[in-house]
Amino acid sequence: MRFRLFVAGFLSCLAIALLAVYGRASPEHSAPMLRTSNDTSISVVLASTESERVRGLGGRRELGEREGMLFVFPRSGYHGMWMKDMRFPLDIIWLRPTRNNAACAHNNAGKGVCLEVVDVREGVATDTFPSVLYPREPAQYVLEVNAGVARGAGIQIGGALLFAR
């Protein structure tokens, strides 16, 4: 009986170890992504809780070239963004869901959620805090990326991004 319990325990540990090593998707495939109209992919970290949204990217030393933070709010509104504790300039992009999946047809809209760009502020400097930036129209999501990414990725008001997990 002890031998059977030992073997069962050993096999369970082995299965868990193998799953941990081989069963995990690589970060580039499991991270949420945004895809732009010119086929630029931006890997995003989601900020969906109040504390995550307040902290944002503040205090980070850097952000990868094709990385960003996507702030997810419970509903659309005029969500203000600030540059508290920021160490590098950002592009800030306000987004809202759109039912016009034709806008994301270039990105296989059936494989994600199509988001419309409602406002873009490029090159927001770190010294703008304590000023708060607001969008021109209500938005439910806000994307923060390194300054210059919006222009390089073709992100502009009225454009669309495809969000996929």
Protein backbone atom coordinates (compact mmCIF):
# COMPACT_ATOMS: atom_id res chain seq x y z
CA MET A 1 0.00 0.00 0.00
CA ARG A 2 2.80 2.43 0.89
CA PHE A 3 4.55 1.62 -2.35
CA ARG A 4 1.41 2.44 -4.36
CA LEU A 5 1.00 5.77 -2.55
CA PHE A 6 4.65 6.56 -3.17
CA VAL A 7 4.35 5.74 -6.89
CA ALA A 8 1.12 7.75 -7.20
CA GLY A 9 2.72 10.74 -5.47
CA PHE A 10 5.85 10.47 -7.60
CA LEU A 11 3.85 10.28 -10.84
CA SER A 12 1.72 13.26 -9.78
CA CYS A 13 4.81 15.36 -9.07
CA LEU A 14 6.35 14.28 -12.37
CA ALA A 15 3.19 15.21 -14.27
CA ILE A 16 3.05 18.64 -12.62
CA ALA A 17 6.74 19.26 -13.38
CA LEU A 18 6.32 18.24 -17.04
CA LEU A 19 3.24 20.43 -17.40
CA ALA A 20 5.10 23.36 -15.88
CA VAL A 21 8.00 22.95 -18.29
CA TYR A 22 6.30 21.88 -21.52
CA GLY A 23 2.64 22.79 -21.12
CA ARG A 24 3.10 26.51 -20.74
CA ALA A 25 2.72 28.84 -23.70
CA SER A 26 5.64 31.15 -24.34
CA PRO A 27 5.13 34.74 -23.12
CA GLU A 28 4.99 36.13 -26.67
CA HIS A 29 2.04 33.87 -27.45
CA SER A 30 0.20 34.17 -24.15
CA ALA A 31 0.48 37.92 -23.52
CA PRO A 32 -2.46 40.07 -24.61
CA MET A 33 -1.68 41.85 -27.87
CA LEU A 34 -2.88 44.84 -29.84
CA ARG A 35 -2.40 44.84 -33.61
CA THR A 36 -2.44 48.05 -35.63
CA SER A 37 -3.57 48.67 -39.19
CA ASN A 38 0.03 48.52 -40.44
CA ASP A 39 0.43 45.10 -38.76
CA THR A 40 2.49 46.31 -35.78
CA SER A 41 1.99 44.10 -32.72
CA ILE A 42 2.13 45.62 -29.26
CA SER A 43 2.34 43.30 -26.26
CA VAL A 44 0.34 44.77 -23.38
CA VAL A 45 0.09 44.40 -19.64
CA LEU A 46 -3.49 44.87 -18.47
CA ALA A 47 -4.31 47.35 -15.71
CA SER A 48 -7.86 46.36 -14.85
CA THR A 49 -8.12 47.01 -11.12
CA GLU A 50 -8.26 50.42 -9.47
CA SER A 51 -4.84 49.98 -7.84
CA GLU A 52 -3.26 48.80 -11.12
CA ARG A 53 -4.71 51.79 -12.96
CA VAL A 54 -3.50 54.28 -10.32
CA ARG A 55 0.03 52.81 -10.31
CA GLY A 56 0.18 52.48 -14.10
CA LEU A 57 3.69 52.66 -15.53
CA GLY A 58 4.88 55.04 -12.79
CA GLY A 59 8.28 54.12 -11.39
CA ARG A 60 9.32 51.89 -14.30
CA ARG A 61 12.75 52.58 -15.72
CA GLU A 62 11.83 51.59 -19.28
CA LEU A 63 9.28 50.03 -21.56
CA GLY A 64 10.12 47.76 -24.48
CA GLU A 65 9.79 49.10 -28.01
CA ARG A 66 6.65 47.08 -28.74
CA GLU A 67 5.25 46.96 -25.22
CA GLY A 68 2.57 48.96 -23.50
CA MET A 69 0.01 49.06 -20.74
CA LEU A 70 -3.70 48.81 -21.52
CA PHE A 71 -5.88 50.43 -18.88
CA VAL A 72 -9.27 48.71 -18.75
CA PHE A 73 -12.13 50.65 -17.19
CA PRO A 74 -15.52 49.15 -16.22
CA ARG A 75 -17.35 51.53 -18.59
CA SER A 76 -16.72 54.32 -21.06
CA GLY A 77 -16.02 57.78 -19.72
CA TYR A 78 -13.64 60.72 -19.84
CA HIS A 79 -10.84 58.83 -18.07
CA GLY A 80 -7.96 61.16 -17.24
CA MET A 81 -4.32 60.07 -17.35
CA TRP A 82 -1.32 61.57 -15.59
CA MET A 83 2.47 61.19 -15.69
CA LYS A 84 3.05 60.64 -11.96
CA ASP A 85 6.46 59.05 -11.26
CA MET A 86 7.14 58.57 -14.99
CA ARG A 87 10.76 58.40 -16.15
CA PHE A 88 10.18 58.48 -19.92
CA PRO A 89 7.72 60.21 -22.28
CA LEU A 90 4.65 58.38 -23.57
CA ASP A 91 2.07 58.32 -26.29
CA ILE A 92 -1.40 58.01 -24.73
CA ILE A 93 -4.18 56.51 -26.85
CA TRP A 94 -7.86 56.41 -25.79
CA LEU A 95 -9.95 53.57 -27.26
CA ARG A 96 -13.52 52.37 -27.30
CA PRO A 97 -15.15 49.17 -28.56
CA THR A 98 -16.58 49.41 -32.04
CA ARG A 99 -19.18 47.29 -33.77
CA ASN A 100 -17.61 48.16 -37.11
CA ASN A 101 -15.52 45.04 -37.52
CA ALA A 102 -14.76 46.13 -41.07
CA ALA A 103 -12.35 48.60 -39.45
CA CYS A 104 -10.35 45.60 -38.19
CA ALA A 105 -10.78 43.42 -41.28
CA HIS A 106 -7.07 43.80 -41.98
CA ASN A 107 -6.41 42.07 -38.66
CA ASN A 108 -8.86 39.13 -38.82
CA ALA A 109 -11.55 40.79 -36.67
CA GLY A 110 -13.09 37.42 -35.84
CA LYS A 111 -10.07 36.64 -33.67
CA GLY A 112 -10.33 39.50 -31.21
CA VAL A 113 -12.10 42.70 -30.22
CA CYS A 114 -11.99 45.69 -32.53
CA LEU A 115 -11.23 48.99 -30.75
CA GLU A 116 -11.63 52.45 -32.28
CA VAL A 117 -9.07 55.18 -31.52
CA VAL A 118 -10.93 58.21 -30.12
CA ASP A 119 -7.95 60.35 -29.10
CA VAL A 120 -4.15 60.33 -29.24
CA ARG A 121 -1.64 62.46 -27.35
CA GLU A 122 1.87 61.97 -28.68
CA GLY A 123 5.10 62.60 -26.79
CA VAL A 124 3.61 63.43 -23.40
CA ALA A 125 6.54 64.65 -21.28
CA THR A 126 7.31 63.40 -17.80
CA ASP A 127 7.16 66.94 -16.37
CA THR A 128 3.46 67.39 -17.18
CA PHE A 129 2.45 65.94 -13.77
CA PRO A 130 0.28 67.02 -11.93
CA SER A 131 -1.71 67.93 -15.04
CA VAL A 132 -4.30 65.34 -16.05
CA LEU A 133 -4.98 64.62 -19.73
CA TYR A 134 -8.54 63.80 -20.82
CA PRO A 135 -9.83 62.41 -24.12
CA ARG A 136 -12.00 64.41 -26.51
CA GLU A 137 -14.63 61.66 -26.46
CA PRO A 138 -15.57 58.94 -23.96
CA ALA A 139 -13.35 55.86 -23.96
CA GLN A 140 -13.27 52.57 -22.07
CA TYR A 141 -9.61 51.73 -22.65
CA VAL A 142 -6.37 53.69 -22.60
CA LEU A 143 -3.11 52.47 -24.13
CA GLU A 144 0.23 53.87 -22.99
CA VAL A 145 3.31 53.21 -25.13
CA ASN A 146 6.73 54.81 -25.58
CA ALA A 147 6.70 58.22 -27.25
CA GLY A 148 6.85 57.80 -31.02
CA VAL A 149 5.17 54.40 -31.16
CA ALA A 150 1.75 55.77 -32.14
CA ARG A 151 3.14 57.54 -35.20
CA GLY A 152 5.39 54.63 -36.16
CA ALA A 153 2.55 52.12 -35.82
CA GLY A 154 0.08 54.25 -37.78
CA ILE A 155 -2.20 54.85 -34.78
CA GLN A 156 -4.46 57.84 -35.38
CA ILE A 157 -7.90 59.13 -34.39
CA GLY A 158 -10.61 57.16 -36.20
CA GLY A 159 -8.28 54.20 -36.76
CA ALA A 160 -8.73 50.77 -35.25
CA LEU A 161 -6.69 48.31 -33.21
CA LEU A 162 -7.41 44.63 -32.74
CA PHE A 163 -7.16 43.34 -29.16
CA ALA A 164 -6.51 39.62 -28.74
CA ARG A 165 -5.44 37.46 -25.81
